[in-house]
Amino acid sequence: MSLEHQPAPVEAIARISRLARGDTGGSDAARKLLRWLVLDDGGYQLRRLDATNQAAMMAIIEWWAGPLWSEQPLHDVIKDLVEPVKSTG
């Protein structure tokens, strides 16, 4: 993943914009993902990662978007991250 400025994917933005204006499950998903990306800091957090870790996170997102055998690998990571916080809080 390059750290150089990339042109905006205008066709993809237009497509998701049209989808988000609809009244379907996909429309709702598009609105929520756009909100996560822009308003809830998801995109900003991706920018904070170096190129290698951005690529790893995008691989996780691509994997998550497809059919999964199990979500357990991510649940294990989240559990490991949350448990220490609970025990010290």
PDB file of N, CA and C in Angstrom:
ATOM      1  N   MET A   1       0.855  -1.169   0.000  1.00  0.00           N
ATOM      2  CA  MET A   1       0.000   0.000   0.000  1.00  0.00           C
ATOM      3  C   MET A   1       0.901   1.233   0.000  1.00  0.00           C
ATOM      4  N   SER A   2       0.714   2.090  -0.960  1.00  0.00           N
ATOM      5  CA  SER A   2       1.543   3.277  -1.102  1.00  0.00           C
ATOM      6  C   SER A   2       1.101   4.371  -0.143  1.00  0.00           C
ATOM      7  N   LEU A   3       2.086   5.124   0.365  1.00  0.00           N
ATOM      8  CA  LEU A   3       1.764   6.256   1.224  1.00  0.00           C
ATOM      9  C   LEU A   3       1.620   7.552   0.419  1.00  0.00           C
ATOM     10  N   GLU A   4       1.779   7.460  -0.905  1.00  0.00           N
ATOM     11  CA  GLU A   4       1.589   8.633  -1.755  1.00  0.00           C
ATOM     12  C   GLU A   4       0.096   8.921  -1.880  1.00  0.00           C
ATOM     13  N   HIS A   5      -0.224  10.186  -2.137  1.00  0.00           N
ATOM     14  CA  HIS A   5      -1.631  10.558  -2.325  1.00  0.00           C
ATOM     15  C   HIS A   5      -2.187   9.825  -3.529  1.00  0.00           C
ATOM     16  N   GLN A   6      -3.334   9.231  -3.337  1.00  0.00           N
ATOM     17  CA  GLN A   6      -4.010   8.489  -4.392  1.00  0.00           C
ATOM     18  C   GLN A   6      -5.240   9.272  -4.838  1.00  0.00           C
ATOM     19  N   PRO A   7      -5.553   9.227  -6.133  1.00  0.00           N
ATOM     20  CA  PRO A   7      -6.777   9.890  -6.574  1.00  0.00           C
ATOM     21  C   PRO A   7      -7.993   9.202  -5.968  1.00  0.00           C
ATOM     22  N   ALA A   8      -9.011   9.973  -5.712  1.00  0.00           N
ATOM     23  CA  ALA A   8     -10.243   9.414  -5.149  1.00  0.00           C
ATOM     24  C   ALA A   8     -10.861   8.434  -6.137  1.00  0.00           C
ATOM     25  N   PRO A   9     -11.376   7.320  -5.658  1.00  0.00           N
ATOM     26  CA  PRO A   9     -12.052   6.349  -6.529  1.00  0.00           C
ATOM     27  C   PRO A   9     -13.471   6.838  -6.832  1.00  0.00           C
ATOM     28  N   VAL A  10     -13.582   7.810  -7.722  1.00  0.00           N
ATOM     29  CA  VAL A  10     -14.857   8.510  -7.935  1.00  0.00           C
ATOM     30  C   VAL A  10     -15.982   7.573  -8.359  1.00  0.00           C
ATOM     31  N   GLU A  11     -15.685   6.573  -9.175  1.00  0.00           N
ATOM     32  CA  GLU A  11     -16.744   5.646  -9.592  1.00  0.00           C
ATOM     33  C   GLU A  11     -17.263   4.841  -8.399  1.00  0.00           C
ATOM     34  N   ALA A  12     -16.354   4.386  -7.555  1.00  0.00           N
ATOM     35  CA  ALA A  12     -16.765   3.627  -6.370  1.00  0.00           C
ATOM     36  C   ALA A  12     -17.540   4.517  -5.406  1.00  0.00           C
ATOM     37  N   ILE A  13     -17.091   5.759  -5.226  1.00  0.00           N
ATOM     38  CA  ILE A  13     -17.791   6.694  -4.346  1.00  0.00           C
ATOM     39  C   ILE A  13     -19.198   6.962  -4.866  1.00  0.00           C
ATOM     40  N   ALA A  14     -19.325   7.166  -6.174  1.00  0.00           N
ATOM     41  CA  ALA A  14     -20.645   7.422  -6.765  1.00  0.00           C
ATOM     42  C   ALA A  14     -21.554   6.208  -6.588  1.00  0.00           C
ATOM     43  N   ARG A  15     -21.004   5.019  -6.782  1.00  0.00           N
ATOM     44  CA  ARG A  15     -21.806   3.801  -6.646  1.00  0.00           C
ATOM     45  C   ARG A  15     -22.309   3.625  -5.210  1.00  0.00           C
ATOM     46  N   ILE A  16     -21.415   3.787  -4.244  1.00  0.00           N
ATOM     47  CA  ILE A  16     -21.797   3.623  -2.841  1.00  0.00           C
ATOM     48  C   ILE A  16     -22.745   4.746  -2.411  1.00  0.00           C
ATOM     49  N   SER A  17     -22.548   5.933  -2.945  1.00  0.00           N
ATOM     50  CA  SER A  17     -23.455   7.048  -2.650  1.00  0.00           C
ATOM     51  C   SER A  17     -24.875   6.722  -3.116  1.00  0.00           C
ATOM     52  N   ARG A  18     -24.996   6.188  -4.327  1.00  0.00           N
ATOM     53  CA  ARG A  18     -26.318   5.806  -4.838  1.00  0.00           C
ATOM     54  C   ARG A  18     -26.917   4.697  -3.974  1.00  0.00           C
ATOM     55  N   LEU A  19     -26.096   3.722  -3.637  1.00  0.00           N
ATOM     56  CA  LEU A  19     -26.576   2.610  -2.811  1.00  0.00           C
ATOM     57  C   LEU A  19     -27.052   3.117  -1.453  1.00  0.00           C
ATOM     58  N   ALA A  20     -26.274   3.988  -0.827  1.00  0.00           N
ATOM     59  CA  ALA A  20     -26.588   4.478   0.521  1.00  0.00           C
ATOM     60  C   ALA A  20     -27.893   5.262   0.566  1.00  0.00           C
ATOM     61  N   ARG A  21     -28.316   5.807  -0.553  1.00  0.00           N
ATOM     62  CA  ARG A  21     -29.557   6.594  -0.608  1.00  0.00           C
ATOM     63  C   ARG A  21     -30.792   5.716  -0.758  1.00  0.00           C
ATOM     64  N   GLY A  22     -30.592   4.417  -0.881  1.00  0.00           N
ATOM     65  CA  GLY A  22     -31.702   3.499  -1.073  1.00  0.00           C
ATOM     66  C   GLY A  22     -32.360   3.074   0.239  1.00  0.00           C
ATOM     67  N   ASP A  23     -33.234   2.071   0.125  1.00  0.00           N
ATOM     68  CA  ASP A  23     -33.987   1.585   1.283  1.00  0.00           C
ATOM     69  C   ASP A  23     -33.911   0.056   1.346  1.00  0.00           C
ATOM     70  N   THR A  24     -32.678  -0.460   1.324  1.00  0.00           N
ATOM     71  CA  THR A  24     -32.473  -1.902   1.377  1.00  0.00           C
ATOM     72  C   THR A  24     -31.464  -2.223   2.479  1.00  0.00           C
ATOM     73  N   GLY A  25     -31.267  -3.504   2.725  1.00  0.00           N
ATOM     74  CA  GLY A  25     -30.237  -3.908   3.683  1.00  0.00           C
ATOM     75  C   GLY A  25     -28.858  -3.454   3.242  1.00  0.00           C
ATOM     76  N   GLY A  26     -28.593  -3.537   1.932  1.00  0.00           N
ATOM     77  CA  GLY A  26     -27.310  -3.067   1.405  1.00  0.00           C
ATOM     78  C   GLY A  26     -27.154  -1.571   1.587  1.00  0.00           C
ATOM     79  N   SER A  27     -28.247  -0.822   1.429  1.00  0.00           N
ATOM     80  CA  SER A  27     -28.215   0.625   1.622  1.00  0.00           C
ATOM     81  C   SER A  27     -27.863   0.974   3.059  1.00  0.00           C
ATOM     82  N   ASP A  28     -28.475   0.255   3.986  1.00  0.00           N
ATOM     83  CA  ASP A  28     -28.193   0.473   5.397  1.00  0.00           C
ATOM     84  C   ASP A  28     -26.724   0.157   5.704  1.00  0.00           C
ATOM     85  N   ALA A  29     -26.230  -0.946   5.148  1.00  0.00           N
ATOM     86  CA  ALA A  29     -24.829  -1.321   5.358  1.00  0.00           C
ATOM     87  C   ALA A  29     -23.894  -0.252   4.804  1.00  0.00           C
ATOM     88  N   ALA A  30     -24.202   0.268   3.624  1.00  0.00           N
ATOM     89  CA  ALA A  30     -23.365   1.310   3.016  1.00  0.00           C
ATOM     90  C   ALA A  30     -23.337   2.559   3.891  1.00  0.00           C
ATOM     91  N   ARG A  31     -24.500   2.962   4.402  1.00  0.00           N
ATOM     92  CA  ARG A  31     -24.550   4.144   5.277  1.00  0.00           C
ATOM     93  C   ARG A  31     -23.714   3.929   6.544  1.00  0.00           C
ATOM     94  N   LYS A  32     -23.845   2.754   7.146  1.00  0.00           N
ATOM     95  CA  LYS A  32     -23.102   2.470   8.379  1.00  0.00           C
ATOM     96  C   LYS A  32     -21.597   2.407   8.132  1.00  0.00           C
ATOM     97  N   LEU A  33     -21.197   1.798   7.010  1.00  0.00           N
ATOM     98  CA  LEU A  33     -19.773   1.740   6.693  1.00  0.00           C
ATOM     99  C   LEU A  33     -19.205   3.117   6.376  1.00  0.00           C
ATOM    100  N   LEU A  34     -19.950   3.941   5.660  1.00  0.00           N
ATOM    101  CA  LEU A  34     -19.497   5.307   5.391  1.00  0.00           C
ATOM    102  C   LEU A  34     -19.362   6.091   6.688  1.00  0.00           C
ATOM    103  N   ARG A  35     -20.324   5.917   7.571  1.00  0.00           N
ATOM    104  CA  ARG A  35     -20.251   6.605   8.866  1.00  0.00           C
ATOM    105  C   ARG A  35     -19.021   6.151   9.644  1.00  0.00           C
ATOM    106  N   TRP A  36     -18.761   4.845   9.685  1.00  0.00           N
ATOM    107  CA  TRP A  36     -17.587   4.328  10.386  1.00  0.00           C
ATOM    108  C   TRP A  36     -16.307   4.914   9.786  1.00  0.00           C
ATOM    109  N   LEU A  37     -16.274   4.960   8.467  1.00  0.00           N
ATOM    110  CA  LEU A  37     -15.067   5.429   7.782  1.00  0.00           C
ATOM    111  C   LEU A  37     -14.800   6.902   8.026  1.00  0.00           C
ATOM    112  N   VAL A  38     -15.842   7.725   7.929  1.00  0.00           N
ATOM    113  CA  VAL A  38     -15.649   9.179   7.948  1.00  0.00           C
ATOM    114  C   VAL A  38     -15.947   9.807   9.308  1.00  0.00           C
ATOM    115  N   LEU A  39     -17.041   9.454   9.928  1.00  0.00           N
ATOM    116  CA  LEU A  39     -17.466  10.137  11.153  1.00  0.00           C
ATOM    117  C   LEU A  39     -16.994   9.451  12.436  1.00  0.00           C
ATOM    118  N   ASP A  40     -16.829   8.151  12.386  1.00  0.00           N
ATOM    119  CA  ASP A  40     -16.443   7.418  13.596  1.00  0.00           C
ATOM    120  C   ASP A  40     -14.955   7.083  13.628  1.00  0.00           C
ATOM    121  N   ASP A  41     -14.156   7.761  12.865  1.00  0.00           N
ATOM    122  CA  ASP A  41     -12.693   7.647  12.899  1.00  0.00           C
ATOM    123  C   ASP A  41     -12.113   6.384  12.283  1.00  0.00           C
ATOM    124  N   GLY A  42     -12.901   5.523  11.665  1.00  0.00           N
ATOM    125  CA  GLY A  42     -12.337   4.309  11.071  1.00  0.00           C
ATOM    126  C   GLY A  42     -11.277   4.617  10.037  1.00  0.00           C
ATOM    127  N   GLY A  43     -11.557   5.563   9.154  1.00  0.00           N
ATOM    128  CA  GLY A  43     -10.580   5.936   8.126  1.00  0.00           C
ATOM    129  C   GLY A  43      -9.346   6.586   8.717  1.00  0.00           C
ATOM    130  N   TYR A  44      -9.544   7.423   9.708  1.00  0.00           N
ATOM    131  CA  TYR A  44      -8.410   8.077  10.355  1.00  0.00           C
ATOM    132  C   TYR A  44      -7.507   7.039  11.015  1.00  0.00           C
ATOM    133  N   GLN A  45      -8.121   6.062  11.661  1.00  0.00           N
ATOM    134  CA  GLN A  45      -7.325   5.029  12.323  1.00  0.00           C
ATOM    135  C   GLN A  45      -6.515   4.229  11.307  1.00  0.00           C
ATOM    136  N   LEU A  46      -7.095   3.949  10.138  1.00  0.00           N
ATOM    137  CA  LEU A  46      -6.342   3.268   9.082  1.00  0.00           C
ATOM    138  C   LEU A  46      -5.138   4.100   8.646  1.00  0.00           C
ATOM    139  N   ARG A  47      -5.304   5.410   8.565  1.00  0.00           N
ATOM    140  CA  ARG A  47      -4.208   6.290   8.154  1.00  0.00           C
ATOM    141  C   ARG A  47      -3.066   6.295   9.161  1.00  0.00           C
ATOM    142  N   ARG A  48      -3.353   6.030  10.410  1.00  0.00           N
ATOM    143  CA  ARG A  48      -2.326   6.046  11.449  1.00  0.00           C
ATOM    144  C   ARG A  48      -1.376   4.854  11.354  1.00  0.00           C
ATOM    145  N   LEU A  49      -1.810   3.793  10.673  1.00  0.00           N
ATOM    146  CA  LEU A  49      -0.985   2.601  10.538  1.00  0.00           C
ATOM    147  C   LEU A  49       0.073   2.796   9.463  1.00  0.00           C
ATOM    148  N   ASP A  50       1.228   2.156   9.642  1.00  0.00           N
ATOM    149  CA  ASP A  50       2.231   2.190   8.578  1.00  0.00           C
ATOM    150  C   ASP A  50       1.741   1.313   7.425  1.00  0.00           C
ATOM    151  N   ALA A  51       2.433   1.372   6.302  1.00  0.00           N
ATOM    152  CA  ALA A  51       1.978   0.698   5.086  1.00  0.00           C
ATOM    153  C   ALA A  51       1.795  -0.808   5.281  1.00  0.00           C
ATOM    154  N   THR A  52       2.704  -1.449   5.985  1.00  0.00           N
ATOM    155  CA  THR A  52       2.609  -2.894   6.206  1.00  0.00           C
ATOM    156  C   THR A  52       1.384  -3.239   7.032  1.00  0.00           C
ATOM    157  N   ASN A  53       1.129  -2.465   8.087  1.00  0.00           N
ATOM    158  CA  ASN A  53      -0.029  -2.744   8.939  1.00  0.00           C
ATOM    159  C   ASN A  53      -1.338  -2.321   8.280  1.00  0.00           C
ATOM    160  N   GLN A  54      -1.313  -1.290   7.420  1.00  0.00           N
ATOM    161  CA  GLN A  54      -2.502  -0.953   6.637  1.00  0.00           C
ATOM    162  C   GLN A  54      -2.875  -2.123   5.739  1.00  0.00           C
ATOM    163  N   ALA A  55      -1.887  -2.700   5.083  1.00  0.00           N
ATOM    164  CA  ALA A  55      -2.142  -3.843   4.199  1.00  0.00           C
ATOM    165  C   ALA A  55      -2.711  -5.019   4.994  1.00  0.00           C
ATOM    166  N   ALA A  56      -2.164  -5.252   6.191  1.00  0.00           N
ATOM    167  CA  ALA A  56      -2.678  -6.342   7.024  1.00  0.00           C
ATOM    168  C   ALA A  56      -4.124  -6.080   7.432  1.00  0.00           C
ATOM    169  N   MET A  57      -4.429  -4.839   7.828  1.00  0.00           N
ATOM    170  CA  MET A  57      -5.799  -4.513   8.234  1.00  0.00           C
ATOM    171  C   MET A  57      -6.759  -4.627   7.053  1.00  0.00           C
ATOM    172  N   MET A  58      -6.336  -4.189   5.876  1.00  0.00           N
ATOM    173  CA  MET A  58      -7.200  -4.303   4.699  1.00  0.00           C
ATOM    174  C   MET A  58      -7.430  -5.778   4.351  1.00  0.00           C
ATOM    175  N   ALA A  59      -6.411  -6.617   4.548  1.00  0.00           N
ATOM    176  CA  ALA A  59      -6.585  -8.054   4.312  1.00  0.00           C
ATOM    177  C   ALA A  59      -7.623  -8.627   5.274  1.00  0.00           C
ATOM    178  N   ILE A  60      -7.607  -8.171   6.521  1.00  0.00           N
ATOM    179  CA  ILE A  60      -8.607  -8.620   7.494  1.00  0.00           C
ATOM    180  C   ILE A  60      -9.994  -8.164   7.072  1.00  0.00           C
ATOM    181  N   ILE A  61     -10.123  -6.909   6.645  1.00  0.00           N
ATOM    182  CA  ILE A  61     -11.424  -6.387   6.212  1.00  0.00           C
ATOM    183  C   ILE A  61     -11.930  -7.150   4.990  1.00  0.00           C
ATOM    184  N   GLU A  62     -11.046  -7.420   4.027  1.00  0.00           N
ATOM    185  CA  GLU A  62     -11.448  -8.189   2.840  1.00  0.00           C
ATOM    186  C   GLU A  62     -11.880  -9.600   3.234  1.00  0.00           C
ATOM    187  N   TRP A  63     -11.127 -10.227   4.152  1.00  0.00           N
ATOM    188  CA  TRP A  63     -11.477 -11.565   4.618  1.00  0.00           C
ATOM    189  C   TRP A  63     -12.837 -11.530   5.317  1.00  0.00           C
ATOM    190  N   TRP A  64     -13.043 -10.551   6.172  1.00  0.00           N
ATOM    191  CA  TRP A  64     -14.269 -10.431   6.939  1.00  0.00           C
ATOM    192  C   TRP A  64     -15.487 -10.221   6.034  1.00  0.00           C
ATOM    193  N   ALA A  65     -15.293  -9.528   4.924  1.00  0.00           N
ATOM    194  CA  ALA A  65     -16.395  -9.227   4.009  1.00  0.00           C
ATOM    195  C   ALA A  65     -16.877 -10.460   3.253  1.00  0.00           C
ATOM    196  N   GLY A  66     -16.050 -11.468   3.146  1.00  0.00           N
ATOM    197  CA  GLY A  66     -16.415 -12.656   2.384  1.00  0.00           C
ATOM    198  C   GLY A  66     -17.050 -13.721   3.247  1.00  0.00           C
ATOM    199  N   PRO A  67     -17.349 -14.851   2.655  1.00  0.00           N
ATOM    200  CA  PRO A  67     -17.892 -15.959   3.450  1.00  0.00           C
ATOM    201  C   PRO A  67     -16.816 -16.480   4.406  1.00  0.00           C
ATOM    202  N   LEU A  68     -17.187 -16.695   5.640  1.00  0.00           N
ATOM    203  CA  LEU A  68     -16.233 -17.119   6.667  1.00  0.00           C
ATOM    204  C   LEU A  68     -16.556 -18.518   7.162  1.00  0.00           C
ATOM    205  N   TRP A  69     -15.530 -19.278   7.463  1.00  0.00           N
ATOM    206  CA  TRP A  69     -15.738 -20.535   8.170  1.00  0.00           C
ATOM    207  C   TRP A  69     -16.016 -20.229   9.626  1.00  0.00           C
ATOM    208  N   SER A  70     -15.296 -19.213  10.132  1.00  0.00           N
ATOM    209  CA  SER A  70     -15.445 -18.868  11.535  1.00  0.00           C
ATOM    210  C   SER A  70     -14.914 -17.463  11.767  1.00  0.00           C
ATOM    211  N   GLU A  71     -15.584 -16.732  12.640  1.00  0.00           N
ATOM    212  CA  GLU A  71     -15.110 -15.409  13.062  1.00  0.00           C
ATOM    213  C   GLU A  71     -14.190 -15.526  14.270  1.00  0.00           C
ATOM    214  N   GLN A  72     -13.983 -16.732  14.736  1.00  0.00           N
ATOM    215  CA  GLN A  72     -13.270 -16.959  15.993  1.00  0.00           C
ATOM    216  C   GLN A  72     -11.885 -16.310  16.070  1.00  0.00           C
ATOM    217  N   PRO A  73     -11.080 -16.291  14.998  1.00  0.00           N
ATOM    218  CA  PRO A  73      -9.763 -15.657  15.128  1.00  0.00           C
ATOM    219  C   PRO A  73      -9.842 -14.204  15.605  1.00  0.00           C
ATOM    220  N   LEU A  74     -10.819 -13.445  15.115  1.00  0.00           N
ATOM    221  CA  LEU A  74     -10.950 -12.055  15.565  1.00  0.00           C
ATOM    222  C   LEU A  74     -11.555 -11.971  16.956  1.00  0.00           C
ATOM    223  N   HIS A  75     -12.483 -12.852  17.257  1.00  0.00           N
ATOM    224  CA  HIS A  75     -13.054 -12.856  18.608  1.00  0.00           C
ATOM    225  C   HIS A  75     -11.973 -13.152  19.646  1.00  0.00           C
ATOM    226  N   ASP A  76     -11.037 -14.040  19.295  1.00  0.00           N
ATOM    227  CA  ASP A  76      -9.937 -14.353  20.204  1.00  0.00           C
ATOM    228  C   ASP A  76      -9.058 -13.124  20.448  1.00  0.00           C
ATOM    229  N   VAL A  77      -8.786 -12.377  19.387  1.00  0.00           N
ATOM    230  CA  VAL A  77      -7.964 -11.172  19.525  1.00  0.00           C
ATOM    231  C   VAL A  77      -8.673 -10.149  20.406  1.00  0.00           C
ATOM    232  N   ILE A  78      -9.951  -9.909  20.133  1.00  0.00           N
ATOM    233  CA  ILE A  78     -10.716  -8.935  20.915  1.00  0.00           C
ATOM    234  C   ILE A  78     -10.773  -9.369  22.379  1.00  0.00           C
ATOM    235  N   LYS A  79     -11.011 -10.644  22.618  1.00  0.00           N
ATOM    236  CA  LYS A  79     -11.061 -11.153  23.997  1.00  0.00           C
ATOM    237  C   LYS A  79      -9.731 -10.897  24.702  1.00  0.00           C
ATOM    238  N   ASP A  80      -8.628 -11.185  24.021  1.00  0.00           N
ATOM    239  CA  ASP A  80      -7.307 -10.965  24.618  1.00  0.00           C
ATOM    240  C   ASP A  80      -7.044  -9.492  24.893  1.00  0.00           C
ATOM    241  N   LEU A  81      -7.595  -8.611  24.057  1.00  0.00           N
ATOM    242  CA  LEU A  81      -7.401  -7.175  24.259  1.00  0.00           C
ATOM    243  C   LEU A  81      -8.284  -6.630  25.369  1.00  0.00           C
ATOM    244  N   VAL A  82      -9.494  -7.173  25.519  1.00  0.00           N
ATOM    245  CA  VAL A  82     -10.462  -6.664  26.491  1.00  0.00           C
ATOM    246  C   VAL A  82     -10.231  -7.231  27.879  1.00  0.00           C
ATOM    247  N   GLU A  83      -9.860  -8.487  27.993  1.00  0.00           N
ATOM    248  CA  GLU A  83      -9.700  -9.128  29.303  1.00  0.00           C
ATOM    249  C   GLU A  83      -8.745  -8.388  30.231  1.00  0.00           C
ATOM    250  N   PRO A  84      -7.537  -7.983  29.778  1.00  0.00           N
ATOM    251  CA  PRO A  84      -6.647  -7.254  30.687  1.00  0.00           C
ATOM    252  C   PRO A  84      -7.254  -5.942  31.197  1.00  0.00           C
ATOM    253  N   VAL A  85      -8.042  -5.298  30.346  1.00  0.00           N
ATOM    254  CA  VAL A  85      -8.687  -4.036  30.744  1.00  0.00           C
ATOM    255  C   VAL A  85      -9.705  -4.301  31.839  1.00  0.00           C
ATOM    256  N   LYS A  86     -10.496  -5.359  31.713  1.00  0.00           N
ATOM    257  CA  LYS A  86     -11.494  -5.700  32.721  1.00  0.00           C
ATOM    258  C   LYS A  86     -10.831  -6.032  34.060  1.00  0.00           C
ATOM    259  N   SER A  87      -9.721  -6.771  34.012  1.00  0.00           N
ATOM    260  CA  SER A  87      -9.104  -7.206  35.261  1.00  0.00           C
ATOM    261  C   SER A  87      -8.395  -6.070  35.997  1.00  0.00           C
ATOM    262  N   THR A  88      -7.993  -4.999  35.283  1.00  0.00           N
ATOM    263  CA  THR A  88      -7.330  -3.867  35.948  1.00  0.00           C
ATOM    264  C   THR A  88      -8.313  -2.764  36.298  1.00  0.00           C
ATOM    265  N   GLY A  89      -9.524  -2.805  35.726  1.00  0.00           N
ATOM    266  CA  GLY A  89     -10.508  -1.740  35.926  1.00  0.00           C
ATOM    267  C   GLY A  89     -11.253  -1.956  37.155  1.00  0.00           C
TER     268      GLY A  89
END
